[in-house]
Amino acid sequence: MVLSISGVVLLGIICFLFFKKDGMKLTHAFASSLFGFFLAGSAIAPSITASTASLASLLGGIKL
């Protein structure tokens, strides 16, 4: 699991640099997909899922 966490950090930095420098290309999309895959397998995945569900609930409760 230590390897996947360091992979998450490395791919996160790579994705940030890709978006900052050139916009999105096919190689950038591949790196972003790998980042998501490794992030989903990390220890922080349940927190991300709970935060996303909470944000969706918050946005769903807004009455215009």
N, C-alpha and C. Protein backbone atom coordinates (compact mmCIF):
# COMPACT_ATOMS: atom_id res chain seq x y z
N MET A 1 0.82 -1.20 0.00
CA MET A 1 0.00 0.00 0.00
C MET A 1 0.86 1.26 0.00
N VAL A 2 2.06 1.19 0.52
CA VAL A 2 2.94 2.35 0.53
C VAL A 2 3.26 2.77 -0.89
N LEU A 3 3.43 1.82 -1.79
CA LEU A 3 3.73 2.12 -3.19
C LEU A 3 2.56 2.86 -3.84
N SER A 4 1.33 2.47 -3.54
CA SER A 4 0.19 3.14 -4.17
C SER A 4 0.02 4.57 -3.65
N ILE A 5 0.35 4.81 -2.39
CA ILE A 5 0.24 6.17 -1.87
C ILE A 5 1.29 7.07 -2.51
N SER A 6 2.51 6.58 -2.66
CA SER A 6 3.52 7.38 -3.33
C SER A 6 3.18 7.54 -4.80
N GLY A 7 2.54 6.54 -5.38
CA GLY A 7 2.06 6.65 -6.76
C GLY A 7 0.99 7.71 -6.88
N VAL A 8 0.12 7.81 -5.88
CA VAL A 8 -0.92 8.84 -5.88
C VAL A 8 -0.29 10.22 -5.84
N VAL A 9 0.70 10.40 -4.99
CA VAL A 9 1.36 11.70 -4.89
C VAL A 9 2.06 12.05 -6.20
N LEU A 10 2.80 11.10 -6.76
CA LEU A 10 3.52 11.33 -8.00
C LEU A 10 2.55 11.64 -9.15
N LEU A 11 1.51 10.84 -9.30
CA LEU A 11 0.55 11.09 -10.39
C LEU A 11 -0.24 12.37 -10.16
N GLY A 12 -0.51 12.73 -8.91
CA GLY A 12 -1.18 14.00 -8.63
C GLY A 12 -0.34 15.19 -9.07
N ILE A 13 0.95 15.13 -8.79
CA ILE A 13 1.85 16.20 -9.22
C ILE A 13 1.93 16.26 -10.74
N ILE A 14 2.02 15.09 -11.38
CA ILE A 14 2.07 15.05 -12.84
C ILE A 14 0.79 15.63 -13.45
N CYS A 15 -0.36 15.26 -12.91
CA CYS A 15 -1.63 15.79 -13.43
C CYS A 15 -1.71 17.30 -13.25
N PHE A 16 -1.28 17.78 -12.10
CA PHE A 16 -1.29 19.23 -11.86
C PHE A 16 -0.41 19.95 -12.87
N LEU A 17 0.77 19.43 -13.10
CA LEU A 17 1.68 20.06 -14.07
C LEU A 17 1.13 20.00 -15.48
N PHE A 18 0.49 18.89 -15.85
CA PHE A 18 -0.11 18.79 -17.18
C PHE A 18 -1.20 19.83 -17.37
N PHE A 19 -2.08 19.96 -16.40
CA PHE A 19 -3.17 20.93 -16.52
C PHE A 19 -2.64 22.35 -16.53
N LYS A 20 -1.62 22.61 -15.75
CA LYS A 20 -1.05 23.95 -15.65
C LYS A 20 -0.33 24.35 -16.93
N LYS A 21 0.37 23.40 -17.53
CA LYS A 21 1.24 23.70 -18.67
C LYS A 21 0.53 23.67 -20.02
N ASP A 22 -0.11 22.56 -20.37
CA ASP A 22 -0.56 22.35 -21.74
C ASP A 22 -2.05 22.16 -21.94
N GLY A 23 -2.83 22.07 -20.92
CA GLY A 23 -4.21 21.66 -21.12
C GLY A 23 -4.28 20.14 -21.13
N MET A 24 -5.37 19.58 -21.61
CA MET A 24 -5.56 18.13 -21.55
C MET A 24 -5.30 17.49 -22.91
N LYS A 25 -4.40 16.51 -22.91
CA LYS A 25 -4.10 15.71 -24.10
C LYS A 25 -4.33 14.25 -23.74
N LEU A 26 -4.15 13.35 -24.71
CA LEU A 26 -4.42 11.94 -24.46
C LEU A 26 -3.50 11.37 -23.37
N THR A 27 -2.24 11.73 -23.38
CA THR A 27 -1.33 11.24 -22.34
C THR A 27 -1.71 11.80 -20.97
N HIS A 28 -2.20 13.01 -20.97
CA HIS A 28 -2.63 13.63 -19.71
C HIS A 28 -3.87 12.92 -19.17
N ALA A 29 -4.77 12.58 -20.07
CA ALA A 29 -5.98 11.86 -19.65
C ALA A 29 -5.60 10.49 -19.08
N PHE A 30 -4.61 9.84 -19.67
CA PHE A 30 -4.16 8.54 -19.17
C PHE A 30 -3.56 8.68 -17.77
N ALA A 31 -2.73 9.70 -17.58
CA ALA A 31 -2.14 9.92 -16.25
C ALA A 31 -3.21 10.26 -15.22
N SER A 32 -4.21 11.03 -15.63
CA SER A 32 -5.30 11.37 -14.72
C SER A 32 -6.11 10.13 -14.35
N SER A 33 -6.32 9.25 -15.32
CA SER A 33 -7.04 8.00 -15.04
C SER A 33 -6.26 7.13 -14.06
N LEU A 34 -4.96 7.03 -14.25
CA LEU A 34 -4.13 6.28 -13.31
C LEU A 34 -4.18 6.90 -11.92
N PHE A 35 -4.15 8.23 -11.87
CA PHE A 35 -4.24 8.92 -10.58
C PHE A 35 -5.53 8.56 -9.86
N GLY A 36 -6.64 8.59 -10.58
CA GLY A 36 -7.92 8.22 -9.99
C GLY A 36 -7.96 6.77 -9.54
N PHE A 37 -7.38 5.90 -10.34
CA PHE A 37 -7.34 4.48 -9.99
C PHE A 37 -6.55 4.25 -8.70
N PHE A 38 -5.37 4.83 -8.60
CA PHE A 38 -4.56 4.65 -7.40
C PHE A 38 -5.17 5.36 -6.19
N LEU A 39 -5.80 6.50 -6.41
CA LEU A 39 -6.43 7.23 -5.32
C LEU A 39 -7.60 6.43 -4.76
N ALA A 40 -8.33 5.73 -5.63
CA ALA A 40 -9.47 4.93 -5.16
C ALA A 40 -9.02 3.76 -4.30
N GLY A 41 -7.80 3.30 -4.49
CA GLY A 41 -7.30 2.19 -3.70
C GLY A 41 -6.53 2.61 -2.46
N SER A 42 -6.43 3.90 -2.22
CA SER A 42 -5.66 4.38 -1.08
C SER A 42 -6.52 4.45 0.18
N ALA A 43 -5.90 4.78 1.27
CA ALA A 43 -6.61 4.86 2.55
C ALA A 43 -7.54 6.06 2.63
N ILE A 44 -7.34 7.04 1.78
CA ILE A 44 -8.16 8.25 1.82
C ILE A 44 -9.46 8.12 1.01
N ALA A 45 -9.63 7.00 0.29
CA ALA A 45 -10.81 6.80 -0.56
C ALA A 45 -12.14 6.94 0.20
N PRO A 46 -12.31 6.35 1.39
CA PRO A 46 -13.59 6.52 2.09
C PRO A 46 -13.89 7.98 2.45
N SER A 47 -12.87 8.74 2.78
CA SER A 47 -13.07 10.16 3.09
C SER A 47 -13.51 10.93 1.86
N ILE A 48 -12.91 10.61 0.72
CA ILE A 48 -13.29 11.27 -0.53
C ILE A 48 -14.72 10.92 -0.90
N THR A 49 -15.10 9.66 -0.73
CA THR A 49 -16.46 9.24 -1.02
C THR A 49 -17.47 9.94 -0.12
N ALA A 50 -17.17 10.03 1.17
CA ALA A 50 -18.07 10.70 2.10
C ALA A 50 -18.17 12.19 1.80
N SER A 51 -17.06 12.82 1.46
CA SER A 51 -17.08 14.25 1.13
C SER A 51 -17.87 14.52 -0.14
N THR A 52 -17.72 13.65 -1.12
CA THR A 52 -18.46 13.81 -2.37
C THR A 52 -19.95 13.63 -2.14
N ALA A 53 -20.32 12.64 -1.35
CA ALA A 53 -21.74 12.43 -1.03
C ALA A 53 -22.31 13.60 -0.25
N SER A 54 -21.53 14.15 0.66
CA SER A 54 -21.98 15.30 1.42
C SER A 54 -22.17 16.53 0.53
N LEU A 55 -21.25 16.75 -0.38
CA LEU A 55 -21.36 17.87 -1.31
C LEU A 55 -22.56 17.70 -2.23
N ALA A 56 -22.79 16.47 -2.70
CA ALA A 56 -23.95 16.22 -3.56
C ALA A 56 -25.24 16.45 -2.80
N SER A 57 -25.28 16.06 -1.55
CA SER A 57 -26.47 16.29 -0.72
C SER A 57 -26.70 17.77 -0.50
N LEU A 58 -25.61 18.50 -0.26
CA LEU A 58 -25.71 19.94 -0.06
C LEU A 58 -26.23 20.63 -1.31
N LEU A 59 -25.67 20.28 -2.45
CA LEU A 59 -26.11 20.89 -3.70
C LEU A 59 -27.53 20.47 -4.08
N GLY A 60 -27.90 19.25 -3.74
CA GLY A 60 -29.26 18.77 -4.00
C GLY A 60 -30.29 19.46 -3.13
N GLY A 61 -29.90 19.98 -1.98
CA GLY A 61 -30.83 20.63 -1.07
C GLY A 61 -31.02 22.12 -1.34
N ILE A 62 -30.30 22.67 -2.29
CA ILE A 62 -30.42 24.10 -2.61
C ILE A 62 -31.71 24.34 -3.37
N LYS A 63 -32.51 25.25 -2.88
CA LYS A 63 -33.76 25.61 -3.54
C LYS A 63 -33.59 26.97 -4.20
N LEU A 64 -33.85 27.01 -5.48
CA LEU A 64 -33.71 28.28 -6.21
C LEU A 64 -35.03 28.96 -6.37
